[in-house]
Structures are given as structure tokens and as C-alpha cells.
Amino acid sequence: METKQMEIKEMVGEQALLRIFIGESDRFAHIPLYEALVELFRKEGFAGATVLRGVAGFGAHSMYHTDRLLRLSSDLPIVLEVVDSKERFDAVLPQVEEMMDGGMITMEKVSVWRYARKRDA
């Protein structure tokens, strides 16, 4: 079975880190945008993706969002991080941008020192 996923040995070394900054209330096709993006990266065989939920932040409109009890926000910051090759990101970024309505995307070079599956018990 052919897979789009990068081989483990190919992942070690210089790669790219893509960060997508969105809000928790952002949607795509009636589902949370972060879920749709994670599914896109999984379906495309990327090495992995992690969604981080912020406790506070603001974006382009300078509206402050926080999880404090007195100012409970339903739109907390979400950061999606994905590490893979720049070429793989270049191929999928147009689709990612079509899914987004606002937000920010950053990319930087990273050095991957280890990328391994857990050993079978």
C-alpha cells in the first residue's frame, strides 16, 4: 500500500514548522476549523499535527480573549503546529488558505532531532 507519509528516517534533519493561528469558534463546513485542518493534514499523510488551546490572546482586531471565569470567552486562541517538509506544505497551503477566514499562518525552519514511533510492548 503506497502512503504519502514521510518515512521516519527522512524526517530527521532540516524540516519546516507550520503554525496556524485561529480562533476556537472558527468553522469550516460546519465543523471546528482546527478539526478540519488536522483531518486534512492526516489525510495528506503529514508526519503529525498538534492543536494547542491558548488561555488568552488577541489577533488582528485586538479583541482580548481569555478563559478567566469573569470574562469567559467562547473564542479562545488555537494554534495548530505541523512539522514536515517545506515542499509538502507548499503543495497543501492553497487548500489551507481556502479553508480559513482570518487568522495567521507562519512557517520557519526547524531541525528535527528525533521522530520515532513508540516501540511495541
C-alpha atoms as a PDB file:
ATOM      1  CA  MET A   1       0.000   0.000   0.000  1.00  0.00           C
ATOM      2  CA  GLU A   2       1.506   3.324  -1.072  1.00  0.00           C
ATOM      3  CA  THR A   3       1.451   6.120   1.501  1.00  0.00           C
ATOM      4  CA  LYS A   4       2.018   9.854   1.248  1.00  0.00           C
ATOM      5  CA  GLN A   5       3.544   9.903   4.745  1.00  0.00           C
ATOM      6  CA  MET A   6       7.188  10.819   5.014  1.00  0.00           C
ATOM      7  CA  GLU A   7       9.433   7.925   6.020  1.00  0.00           C
ATOM      8  CA  ILE A   8      10.679   8.162   9.592  1.00  0.00           C
ATOM      9  CA  LYS A   9      14.344   8.279   8.540  1.00  0.00           C
ATOM     10  CA  GLU A  10      13.595  11.133   6.102  1.00  0.00           C
ATOM     11  CA  MET A  11      12.060  13.258   8.849  1.00  0.00           C
ATOM     12  CA  VAL A  12      15.272  13.740  10.847  1.00  0.00           C
ATOM     13  CA  GLY A  13      17.186  16.850   9.774  1.00  0.00           C
ATOM     14  CA  GLU A  14      16.045  20.212   8.442  1.00  0.00           C
ATOM     15  CA  GLN A  15      12.280  20.483   8.043  1.00  0.00           C
ATOM     16  CA  ALA A  16       9.632  23.195   8.278  1.00  0.00           C
ATOM     17  CA  LEU A  17       7.312  24.089  11.146  1.00  0.00           C
ATOM     18  CA  LEU A  18       3.954  25.463  10.074  1.00  0.00           C
ATOM     19  CA  ARG A  19       1.883  27.316  12.670  1.00  0.00           C
ATOM     20  CA  ILE A  20      -1.725  28.271  12.054  1.00  0.00           C
ATOM     21  CA  PHE A  21      -3.279  30.792  14.449  1.00  0.00           C
ATOM     22  CA  ILE A  22      -7.086  30.768  14.527  1.00  0.00           C
ATOM     23  CA  GLY A  23      -9.945  31.129  16.989  1.00  0.00           C
ATOM     24  CA  GLU A  24     -11.765  28.319  18.720  1.00  0.00           C
ATOM     25  CA  SER A  25     -15.064  29.418  17.155  1.00  0.00           C
ATOM     26  CA  ASP A  26     -13.722  29.364  13.554  1.00  0.00           C
ATOM     27  CA  ARG A  27     -15.575  26.847  11.393  1.00  0.00           C
ATOM     28  CA  PHE A  28     -15.197  25.106   8.048  1.00  0.00           C
ATOM     29  CA  ALA A  29     -18.112  23.127   6.605  1.00  0.00           C
ATOM     30  CA  HIS A  30     -19.952  23.346   9.967  1.00  0.00           C
ATOM     31  CA  ILE A  31     -17.140  21.739  11.993  1.00  0.00           C
ATOM     32  CA  PRO A  32     -14.389  23.397  14.029  1.00  0.00           C
ATOM     33  CA  LEU A  33     -11.694  24.649  11.654  1.00  0.00           C
ATOM     34  CA  TYR A  34      -8.909  23.105  13.716  1.00  0.00           C
ATOM     35  CA  GLU A  35     -10.541  19.667  13.349  1.00  0.00           C
ATOM     36  CA  ALA A  36     -10.917  20.137   9.581  1.00  0.00           C
ATOM     37  CA  LEU A  37      -7.256  21.178   9.288  1.00  0.00           C
ATOM     38  CA  VAL A  38      -5.985  18.248  11.369  1.00  0.00           C
ATOM     39  CA  GLU A  39      -8.019  15.884   9.192  1.00  0.00           C
ATOM     40  CA  LEU A  40      -6.621  17.486   6.021  1.00  0.00           C
ATOM     41  CA  PHE A  41      -3.026  17.036   7.221  1.00  0.00           C
ATOM     42  CA  ARG A  42      -3.749  13.450   8.350  1.00  0.00           C
ATOM     43  CA  LYS A  43      -5.427  12.576   5.056  1.00  0.00           C
ATOM     44  CA  GLU A  44      -2.493  14.050   3.119  1.00  0.00           C
ATOM     45  CA  GLY A  45      -0.044  11.872   5.079  1.00  0.00           C
ATOM     46  CA  PHE A  46       1.794  14.572   7.020  1.00  0.00           C
ATOM     47  CA  ALA A  47       4.116  13.492   9.817  1.00  0.00           C
ATOM     48  CA  GLY A  48       1.802  14.781  12.555  1.00  0.00           C
ATOM     49  CA  ALA A  49      -0.158  17.757  13.840  1.00  0.00           C
ATOM     50  CA  THR A  50      -0.853  19.176  17.295  1.00  0.00           C
ATOM     51  CA  VAL A  51      -3.603  21.576  18.343  1.00  0.00           C
ATOM     52  CA  LEU A  52      -2.826  23.905  21.253  1.00  0.00           C
ATOM     53  CA  ARG A  53      -5.589  25.812  23.036  1.00  0.00           C
ATOM     54  CA  GLY A  54      -4.488  29.151  24.432  1.00  0.00           C
ATOM     55  CA  VAL A  55      -5.651  30.588  27.736  1.00  0.00           C
ATOM     56  CA  ALA A  56      -5.531  34.162  26.445  1.00  0.00           C
ATOM     57  CA  GLY A  57      -4.633  36.171  23.365  1.00  0.00           C
ATOM     58  CA  PHE A  58      -5.662  38.685  20.738  1.00  0.00           C
ATOM     59  CA  GLY A  59      -5.421  38.914  16.976  1.00  0.00           C
ATOM     60  CA  ALA A  60      -5.844  41.360  14.121  1.00  0.00           C
ATOM     61  CA  HIS A  61      -8.890  43.059  15.704  1.00  0.00           C
ATOM     62  CA  SER A  62      -7.096  43.478  19.075  1.00  0.00           C
ATOM     63  CA  MET A  63     -10.039  41.880  20.872  1.00  0.00           C
ATOM     64  CA  TYR A  64      -8.776  40.194  24.043  1.00  0.00           C
ATOM     65  CA  HIS A  65      -9.928  36.599  24.586  1.00  0.00           C
ATOM     66  CA  THR A  66      -9.387  34.815  27.893  1.00  0.00           C
ATOM     67  CA  ASP A  67     -10.543  31.745  29.785  1.00  0.00           C
ATOM     68  CA  ARG A  68     -10.882  33.611  33.106  1.00  0.00           C
ATOM     69  CA  LEU A  69     -14.135  32.923  34.880  1.00  0.00           C
ATOM     70  CA  LEU A  70     -15.271  36.547  34.922  1.00  0.00           C
ATOM     71  CA  ARG A  71     -14.633  37.056  31.191  1.00  0.00           C
ATOM     72  CA  LEU A  72     -15.284  33.599  29.822  1.00  0.00           C
ATOM     73  CA  SER A  73     -14.600  33.602  26.094  1.00  0.00           C
ATOM     74  CA  SER A  74     -16.099  31.209  23.585  1.00  0.00           C
ATOM     75  CA  ASP A  75     -13.365  32.086  21.092  1.00  0.00           C
ATOM     76  CA  LEU A  76     -10.060  31.191  22.740  1.00  0.00           C
ATOM     77  CA  PRO A  77      -6.889  31.186  20.636  1.00  0.00           C
ATOM     78  CA  ILE A  78      -6.000  27.958  18.847  1.00  0.00           C
ATOM     79  CA  VAL A  79      -2.568  27.195  17.403  1.00  0.00           C
ATOM     80  CA  LEU A  80      -2.104  24.250  15.080  1.00  0.00           C
ATOM     81  CA  GLU A  81       1.512  23.089  14.687  1.00  0.00           C
ATOM     82  CA  VAL A  82       2.671  20.762  11.929  1.00  0.00           C
ATOM     83  CA  VAL A  83       6.226  19.654  11.082  1.00  0.00           C
ATOM     84  CA  ASP A  84       7.069  18.271   7.657  1.00  0.00           C
ATOM     85  CA  SER A  85       8.974  19.303   4.530  1.00  0.00           C
ATOM     86  CA  LYS A  86       8.546  22.778   3.032  1.00  0.00           C
ATOM     87  CA  GLU A  87       7.675  21.195  -0.318  1.00  0.00           C
ATOM     88  CA  ARG A  88       4.767  19.282   1.238  1.00  0.00           C
ATOM     89  CA  PHE A  89       3.475  22.483   2.834  1.00  0.00           C
ATOM     90  CA  ASP A  90       3.801  24.409  -0.425  1.00  0.00           C
ATOM     91  CA  ALA A  91       1.523  21.841  -2.071  1.00  0.00           C
ATOM     92  CA  VAL A  92      -1.240  21.991   0.565  1.00  0.00           C
ATOM     93  CA  LEU A  93      -1.166  25.677   1.620  1.00  0.00           C
ATOM     94  CA  PRO A  94      -3.566  26.907  -1.094  1.00  0.00           C
ATOM     95  CA  GLN A  95      -6.180  24.461   0.228  1.00  0.00           C
ATOM     96  CA  VAL A  96      -5.497  25.538   3.834  1.00  0.00           C
ATOM     97  CA  GLU A  97      -5.916  29.204   2.919  1.00  0.00           C
ATOM     98  CA  GLU A  98      -9.252  28.484   1.218  1.00  0.00           C
ATOM     99  CA  MET A  99     -10.491  26.896   4.449  1.00  0.00           C
ATOM    100  CA  MET A 100      -9.559  29.910   6.591  1.00  0.00           C
ATOM    101  CA  ASP A 101     -11.477  33.135   7.127  1.00  0.00           C
ATOM    102  CA  GLY A 102      -8.964  35.270   9.011  1.00  0.00           C
ATOM    103  CA  GLY A 103      -6.137  34.022  11.177  1.00  0.00           C
ATOM    104  CA  MET A 104      -2.404  33.849  10.528  1.00  0.00           C
ATOM    105  CA  ILE A 105      -0.014  31.272   9.089  1.00  0.00           C
ATOM    106  CA  THR A 106       3.721  31.232   9.845  1.00  0.00           C
ATOM    107  CA  MET A 107       6.483  28.919   8.690  1.00  0.00           C
ATOM    108  CA  GLU A 108      10.028  28.516   9.921  1.00  0.00           C
ATOM    109  CA  LYS A 109      12.935  26.138   9.528  1.00  0.00           C
ATOM    110  CA  VAL A 110      13.398  23.594  12.291  1.00  0.00           C
ATOM    111  CA  SER A 111      15.897  20.830  12.989  1.00  0.00           C
ATOM    112  CA  VAL A 112      14.256  17.511  13.769  1.00  0.00           C
ATOM    113  CA  TRP A 113      16.469  15.505  16.105  1.00  0.00           C
ATOM    114  CA  ARG A 114      14.145  12.584  16.683  1.00  0.00           C
ATOM    115  CA  TYR A 115      10.997  11.274  15.056  1.00  0.00           C
ATOM    116  CA  ALA A 116      10.020   7.755  16.055  1.00  0.00           C
ATOM    117  CA  ARG A 117       7.029   5.607  16.781  1.00  0.00           C
ATOM    118  CA  LYS A 118       6.638   4.029  20.210  1.00  0.00           C
ATOM    119  CA  ARG A 119       8.075   0.570  20.479  1.00  0.00           C
ATOM    120  CA  ASP A 120       5.524  -2.234  20.596  1.00  0.00           C
ATOM    121  CA  ALA A 121       5.074  -3.549  24.136  1.00  0.00           C
END
